[in-house]
N, C-alpha and C. Protein backbone atom coordinates (compact mmCIF):
# COMPACT_ATOMS: atom_id res chain seq x y z
N MET A 1 13.78 20.36 -9.09
CA MET A 1 13.39 19.13 -8.68
C MET A 1 12.81 19.72 -7.38
N THR A 2 11.90 18.48 -7.65
CA THR A 2 10.80 18.38 -5.99
C THR A 2 11.29 18.28 -5.45
N GLU A 3 11.05 18.09 -3.47
CA GLU A 3 10.99 17.82 -2.44
C GLU A 3 10.94 16.41 -2.54
N GLN A 4 11.93 15.72 -1.80
CA GLN A 4 10.78 13.99 -1.20
C GLN A 4 9.90 14.19 -0.65
N LYS A 5 9.01 14.02 -0.40
CA LYS A 5 7.44 13.78 -0.08
C LYS A 5 7.92 13.29 2.31
N PRO A 6 7.80 13.73 2.54
CA PRO A 6 7.90 12.97 4.37
C PRO A 6 7.62 11.87 4.10
N GLY A 7 8.58 11.09 5.32
CA GLY A 7 8.47 9.46 5.42
C GLY A 7 9.06 8.43 4.14
N HIS A 8 9.59 9.56 2.32
CA HIS A 8 9.67 8.61 1.71
C HIS A 8 11.76 9.14 1.66
N ARG A 9 12.25 7.79 1.49
CA ARG A 9 14.06 8.27 0.82
C ARG A 9 13.72 6.88 -0.01
N ALA A 10 15.58 7.28 -0.92
CA ALA A 10 15.74 6.19 -1.54
C ALA A 10 15.84 4.76 -0.71
N GLY A 11 15.14 4.14 -1.93
CA GLY A 11 15.23 2.41 -2.04
C GLY A 11 13.67 2.18 -2.48
N PHE A 12 13.72 1.20 -3.23
CA PHE A 12 12.63 -0.08 -3.40
C PHE A 12 13.13 -1.53 -3.47
N PHE A 13 11.67 -2.13 -2.97
CA PHE A 13 11.48 -3.41 -3.09
C PHE A 13 12.47 -4.38 -4.82
N ILE A 14 12.65 -5.89 -4.70
CA ILE A 14 12.50 -5.81 -5.49
C ILE A 14 12.05 -7.47 -5.14
N ALA A 15 10.86 -7.60 -6.24
CA ALA A 15 9.99 -8.45 -5.69
C ALA A 15 10.26 -9.92 -6.93
N GLN A 16 9.71 -10.62 -6.71
CA GLN A 16 9.22 -12.54 -7.84
C GLN A 16 7.79 -12.37 -7.53
N MET A 17 7.83 -12.34 -8.99
CA MET A 17 6.46 -12.67 -9.08
C MET A 17 6.76 -14.55 -9.76
N GLN A 18 5.84 -15.24 -9.46
CA GLN A 18 6.18 -16.01 -10.43
C GLN A 18 5.26 -15.90 -12.13
N ALA A 19 4.94 -16.72 -12.67
CA ALA A 19 5.01 -16.49 -14.90
C ALA A 19 3.53 -16.81 -13.67
N LYS A 20 2.85 -17.93 -13.08
CA LYS A 20 1.82 -18.50 -13.58
C LYS A 20 0.98 -16.69 -12.54
N ASP A 21 1.07 -16.08 -11.55
CA ASP A 21 0.77 -14.71 -10.57
C ASP A 21 0.73 -13.87 -12.22
N ARG A 22 1.27 -14.02 -13.00
CA ARG A 22 1.37 -12.31 -14.47
C ARG A 22 0.09 -12.53 -15.02
N LYS A 23 -0.28 -11.41 -15.45
CA LYS A 23 -1.10 -11.05 -15.76
C LYS A 23 -0.79 -11.03 -16.94
N ASP A 24 0.11 -11.07 -18.39
CA ASP A 24 0.28 -10.18 -19.29
C ASP A 24 -0.72 -10.48 -20.40
N PRO A 25 -1.25 -9.59 -21.09
CA PRO A 25 -1.82 -9.04 -22.20
C PRO A 25 -0.71 -9.82 -23.64
N PRO A 26 -1.52 -10.51 -24.23
CA PRO A 26 -1.68 -11.51 -25.48
C PRO A 26 -0.72 -10.75 -26.12
N ALA A 27 0.20 -11.72 -26.83
CA ALA A 27 0.71 -11.36 -28.05
C ALA A 27 0.30 -10.10 -28.66
N GLN A 28 1.04 -8.78 -29.32
CA GLN A 28 0.36 -7.93 -30.01
C GLN A 28 1.35 -8.24 -31.74
N SER A 29 1.77 -9.55 -31.61
CA SER A 29 3.29 -9.31 -32.88
C SER A 29 3.45 -10.84 -33.24
N THR A 30 4.28 -10.55 -35.01
CA THR A 30 4.62 -12.19 -34.71
C THR A 30 4.89 -12.95 -33.90
N PHE A 31 5.56 -12.04 -32.99
CA PHE A 31 6.58 -13.50 -31.79
C PHE A 31 5.69 -14.26 -31.14
N GLU A 32 6.35 -15.00 -30.73
CA GLU A 32 5.51 -16.14 -29.45
C GLU A 32 5.58 -15.33 -28.09
N ALA A 33 4.93 -15.45 -27.44
CA ALA A 33 5.35 -14.89 -25.76
C ALA A 33 6.47 -16.06 -25.49
N LEU A 34 7.30 -15.40 -25.39
CA LEU A 34 8.40 -16.00 -24.21
C LEU A 34 7.55 -16.84 -22.87
N PRO A 35 7.57 -17.87 -21.84
CA PRO A 35 7.29 -18.34 -20.84
C PRO A 35 8.02 -16.84 -20.01
N MET A 36 8.17 -16.10 -18.44
CA MET A 36 8.31 -15.27 -17.62
C MET A 36 8.21 -16.31 -16.55
N THR A 37 9.91 -16.14 -15.95
CA THR A 37 10.04 -16.86 -15.35
C THR A 37 9.27 -15.93 -14.24
N HIS A 38 10.04 -14.81 -13.41
CA HIS A 38 10.12 -14.05 -12.60
C HIS A 38 10.17 -12.39 -13.35
N ILE A 39 10.13 -11.44 -12.45
CA ILE A 39 9.74 -10.04 -12.91
C ILE A 39 10.08 -9.76 -11.90
N THR A 40 10.95 -8.35 -11.89
CA THR A 40 10.68 -7.27 -10.82
C THR A 40 10.41 -6.16 -11.03
N ARG A 41 8.98 -6.20 -10.05
CA ARG A 41 9.18 -4.72 -9.49
C ARG A 41 9.49 -4.36 -8.41
N CYS A 42 9.47 -2.10 -8.93
CA CYS A 42 9.63 -1.90 -8.49
C CYS A 42 8.49 -0.59 -7.31
N LYS A 43 8.34 0.35 -6.20
CA LYS A 43 7.45 1.14 -6.01
C LYS A 43 8.22 2.58 -6.31
N MET A 44 7.47 3.84 -7.23
CA MET A 44 8.56 5.23 -7.24
C MET A 44 7.37 6.03 -7.46
N THR A 45 7.95 7.28 -6.61
CA THR A 45 7.27 8.26 -6.94
C THR A 45 7.79 9.34 -7.87
N LEU A 46 6.44 9.79 -9.26
CA LEU A 46 7.17 10.50 -9.48
C LEU A 46 7.64 12.27 -8.63
N ARG A 47 9.15 12.37 -8.11
CA ARG A 47 9.51 13.57 -8.25
C ARG A 47 9.77 14.58 -9.06
N SER A 48 9.55 14.56 -10.12
CA SER A 48 9.82 16.57 -10.77
C SER A 48 9.47 15.83 -12.41
N LYS A 49 8.31 16.68 -12.94
CA LYS A 49 8.37 16.93 -14.42
C LYS A 49 8.47 17.60 -15.31
N GLY A 50 8.91 18.04 -16.14
CA GLY A 50 9.33 19.28 -16.76
C GLY A 50 9.96 19.20 -18.39
N PRO A 51 9.82 20.91 -18.53
CA PRO A 51 10.07 20.48 -20.67
C PRO A 51 11.22 19.85 -20.61
N VAL A 52 12.24 19.08 -21.37
CA VAL A 52 13.52 19.06 -22.08
C VAL A 52 13.45 20.50 -22.36
N GLN A 53 14.58 20.85 -22.14
CA GLN A 53 15.14 22.16 -22.69
C GLN A 53 16.15 21.74 -24.24
N GLY A 54 15.31 21.99 -25.03
CA GLY A 54 17.41 22.28 -26.13
C GLY A 54 16.31 21.67 -26.96
N SER A 55 15.31 20.54 -26.47
CA SER A 55 14.64 19.75 -27.78
C SER A 55 14.23 19.78 -28.82
N THR A 56 14.20 19.33 -29.50
CA THR A 56 13.14 19.45 -31.04
C THR A 56 12.13 18.35 -31.27
N GLU A 57 11.92 18.02 -30.22
CA GLU A 57 10.55 17.36 -30.17
C GLU A 57 9.48 18.07 -29.61
N SER A 58 8.74 17.91 -28.42
CA SER A 58 7.77 18.08 -27.33
C SER A 58 7.91 16.88 -26.88
N LEU A 59 9.00 16.95 -25.73
CA LEU A 59 9.20 15.98 -25.13
C LEU A 59 9.07 16.87 -23.59
N THR A 60 8.47 15.92 -22.85
CA THR A 60 8.88 15.71 -21.30
C THR A 60 9.73 15.06 -20.32
N ARG A 61 10.48 15.48 -19.19
CA ARG A 61 11.23 14.73 -18.40
C ARG A 61 10.42 14.23 -17.06
N LEU A 62 10.61 13.15 -17.10
CA LEU A 62 9.77 12.44 -15.61
C LEU A 62 11.15 11.73 -14.62
N HIS A 63 10.95 12.49 -13.96
CA HIS A 63 12.21 11.96 -12.73
C HIS A 63 11.06 11.45 -11.56
N PHE A 64 11.86 10.04 -11.18
CA PHE A 64 11.14 9.14 -10.58
C PHE A 64 12.09 8.59 -9.53
N GLY A 65 12.00 8.86 -8.34
CA GLY A 65 12.92 8.43 -7.42
C GLY A 65 11.80 7.34 -5.88
N ALA A 66 12.08 5.78 -5.94
CA ALA A 66 12.61 5.44 -5.04
C ALA A 66 10.78 5.54 -3.44
N VAL A 67 11.10 4.99 -3.08
CA VAL A 67 9.93 4.35 -1.59
C VAL A 67 10.34 4.11 -0.33
N TRP A 68 10.22 4.02 0.66
CA TRP A 68 10.94 4.20 1.61
C TRP A 68 9.53 4.79 2.77
N SER A 69 10.05 4.02 3.66
CA SER A 69 9.25 4.21 5.29
C SER A 69 9.85 3.91 6.53
N ALA A 70 9.83 4.85 7.56
CA ALA A 70 9.80 3.59 8.86
C ALA A 70 9.56 3.19 8.89
N LYS A 71 7.50 2.92 8.74
CA LYS A 71 7.15 2.79 9.69
C LYS A 71 6.61 1.13 9.17
N PRO A 72 7.17 -0.21 9.45
CA PRO A 72 7.03 -1.17 9.02
C PRO A 72 5.18 -2.14 8.35
N GLU A 73 4.37 -1.37 9.35
CA GLU A 73 3.07 -1.82 8.40
C GLU A 73 2.87 -1.38 7.50
N GLU A 74 3.34 -0.49 7.24
CA GLU A 74 3.12 -0.28 5.04
C GLU A 74 3.96 -0.20 4.19
N GLU A 75 3.18 -0.45 3.00
CA GLU A 75 4.02 -1.15 1.90
C GLU A 75 4.94 0.04 1.03
N ASP A 76 5.55 0.70 1.88
CA ASP A 76 6.28 1.24 1.74
C ASP A 76 7.89 0.47 1.99
N ALA A 77 8.44 0.41 3.33
CA ALA A 77 9.02 0.41 4.25
C ALA A 77 9.02 -1.37 3.21
N ILE A 78 8.49 -2.42 3.18
CA ILE A 78 9.08 -2.97 2.33
C ILE A 78 9.03 -3.46 1.41
N TYR A 79 9.18 -2.17 0.03
CA TYR A 79 9.87 -1.90 -0.74
C TYR A 79 11.32 -1.14 -0.40
N GLY A 80 11.60 -0.22 0.40
CA GLY A 80 12.76 0.06 0.87
C GLY A 80 13.99 -0.28 1.68
N LYS A 81 13.20 -1.61 2.30
CA LYS A 81 13.23 -2.52 3.20
C LYS A 81 14.75 -3.30 1.74
N TYR A 82 15.03 -3.49 1.07
CA TYR A 82 15.08 -4.43 0.40
C TYR A 82 16.63 -3.84 -0.78
N THR A 83 16.14 -2.59 -0.96
CA THR A 83 17.44 -1.91 -2.13
C THR A 83 17.27 -0.95 -1.39
N PRO A 84 18.48 -0.11 -1.20
CA PRO A 84 18.67 1.00 -0.84
C PRO A 84 18.68 1.94 -1.70
N TYR A 85 18.47 1.87 -2.52
CA TYR A 85 18.98 3.47 -3.66
C TYR A 85 17.58 3.11 -4.92
N GLY A 86 17.26 3.95 -5.93
CA GLY A 86 16.91 3.82 -7.69
C GLY A 86 16.43 5.38 -7.50
N GLU A 87 16.23 5.30 -8.77
CA GLU A 87 15.86 6.40 -9.77
C GLU A 87 15.67 5.76 -11.24
N TYR A 88 14.63 7.04 -11.73
CA TYR A 88 14.44 6.43 -13.05
C TYR A 88 13.53 7.68 -13.28
N VAL A 89 15.08 7.96 -14.76
CA VAL A 89 14.95 9.63 -15.79
C VAL A 89 14.31 9.08 -16.78
N VAL A 90 13.72 9.91 -17.29
CA VAL A 90 13.12 9.02 -18.57
C VAL A 90 12.14 10.48 -19.28
N ASN A 91 12.63 10.29 -20.52
CA ASN A 91 11.84 11.63 -21.15
C ASN A 91 11.36 11.32 -22.37
N VAL A 92 9.75 11.83 -22.41
CA VAL A 92 8.43 11.24 -22.73
C VAL A 92 7.72 12.04 -23.77
N ALA A 93 6.63 11.75 -24.57
CA ALA A 93 6.21 12.38 -25.34
C ALA A 93 5.14 13.46 -24.36
N ALA A 94 5.02 14.72 -25.01
CA ALA A 94 4.67 15.46 -23.84
C ALA A 94 3.06 15.22 -23.38
N ASP A 95 2.43 14.39 -24.36
CA ASP A 95 0.86 13.79 -24.33
C ASP A 95 1.15 12.69 -23.90
N ARG A 96 1.95 12.63 -23.81
CA ARG A 96 1.90 10.83 -22.96
C ARG A 96 1.92 11.01 -21.37
N ALA A 97 3.19 12.68 -20.91
CA ALA A 97 3.59 12.94 -19.74
C ALA A 97 2.03 13.56 -19.13
N GLU A 98 1.13 14.01 -19.54
CA GLU A 98 0.11 14.41 -18.93
C GLU A 98 -0.49 13.31 -17.85
N HIS A 99 -0.54 12.15 -18.56
CA HIS A 99 -0.64 10.86 -17.46
C HIS A 99 -0.71 10.93 -16.11
N PHE A 100 0.70 11.31 -16.06
CA PHE A 100 1.72 11.02 -14.71
C PHE A 100 1.78 12.59 -13.84
N GLU A 101 1.26 12.11 -12.56
CA GLU A 101 1.27 13.54 -11.52
C GLU A 101 2.46 13.38 -10.45
N GLU A 102 2.76 14.94 -10.39
CA GLU A 102 4.16 14.93 -9.52
C GLU A 102 3.60 14.49 -8.12
N GLY A 103 4.43 13.39 -7.11
CA GLY A 103 4.03 12.89 -5.81
C GLY A 103 3.22 11.72 -6.21
N LYS A 104 2.70 10.98 -7.03
CA LYS A 104 2.08 10.34 -7.16
C LYS A 104 2.95 8.77 -6.96
N ASP A 105 2.69 7.76 -6.52
CA ASP A 105 3.77 6.75 -7.21
C ASP A 105 3.29 5.47 -8.00
N TYR A 106 3.79 4.88 -8.35
CA TYR A 106 3.91 4.20 -9.66
C TYR A 106 4.60 2.47 -9.40
N TYR A 107 4.24 1.57 -9.48
CA TYR A 107 5.34 0.54 -10.07
C TYR A 107 5.60 0.19 -11.41
N PHE A 108 6.96 -0.40 -11.32
CA PHE A 108 7.67 -0.78 -12.20
C PHE A 108 7.82 -2.16 -12.55
N ASP A 109 7.20 -2.60 -13.06
CA ASP A 109 7.90 -3.61 -13.59
C ASP A 109 8.76 -4.10 -14.33
N ILE A 110 10.29 -4.64 -14.15
CA ILE A 110 11.10 -4.94 -14.99
C ILE A 110 11.39 -6.34 -15.71
N SER A 111 11.60 -7.25 -16.50
CA SER A 111 11.84 -8.17 -17.28
C SER A 111 12.27 -7.87 -18.53
N PRO A 112 12.90 -9.20 -18.40
CA PRO A 112 13.36 -9.05 -19.79
C PRO A 112 12.88 -9.26 -20.77
N ALA A 113 13.53 -8.79 -22.12
CA ALA A 113 13.49 -8.18 -23.23
C ALA A 113 13.62 -9.75 -24.36
N PHE A 114 12.91 -10.02 -24.92
CA PHE A 114 12.32 -11.25 -25.84
C PHE A 114 12.94 -11.13 -28.00
C-alpha cells in the first residue's frame, strides 16, 4: 500500500443531490428507469493498485481511501467533515484498471439498484 498524500486522511463527505440535478444516461435495458430522489457522493483517492495474486484471470486490485483537508476553503475539507472514515477496495479486469492513476481523486456516486 502507498502512503497517503499530505493533507489527506480517512474521511469523506456524503452529499445528497436531488433527482432533478442528476444527469443519468438513458436506460439501456427493457427496465424502466425509476425516479431517483437522492444519491450519495464520496470523493476518494486511489492509494494503490496492483495485480491480484493467485487469480486465474488478469485482475488488478484498486484500493481507494477517502479524502480530507484541514484547510476549510478546500473541497476535500467539506468531504472530510461529514464522515470520519471511508475506503473502497475492488478487483477489476486489468485492461479497465489502466484508466486509473495512483494518487488521483475520483468521485463515487452511490444509488439504489432497481
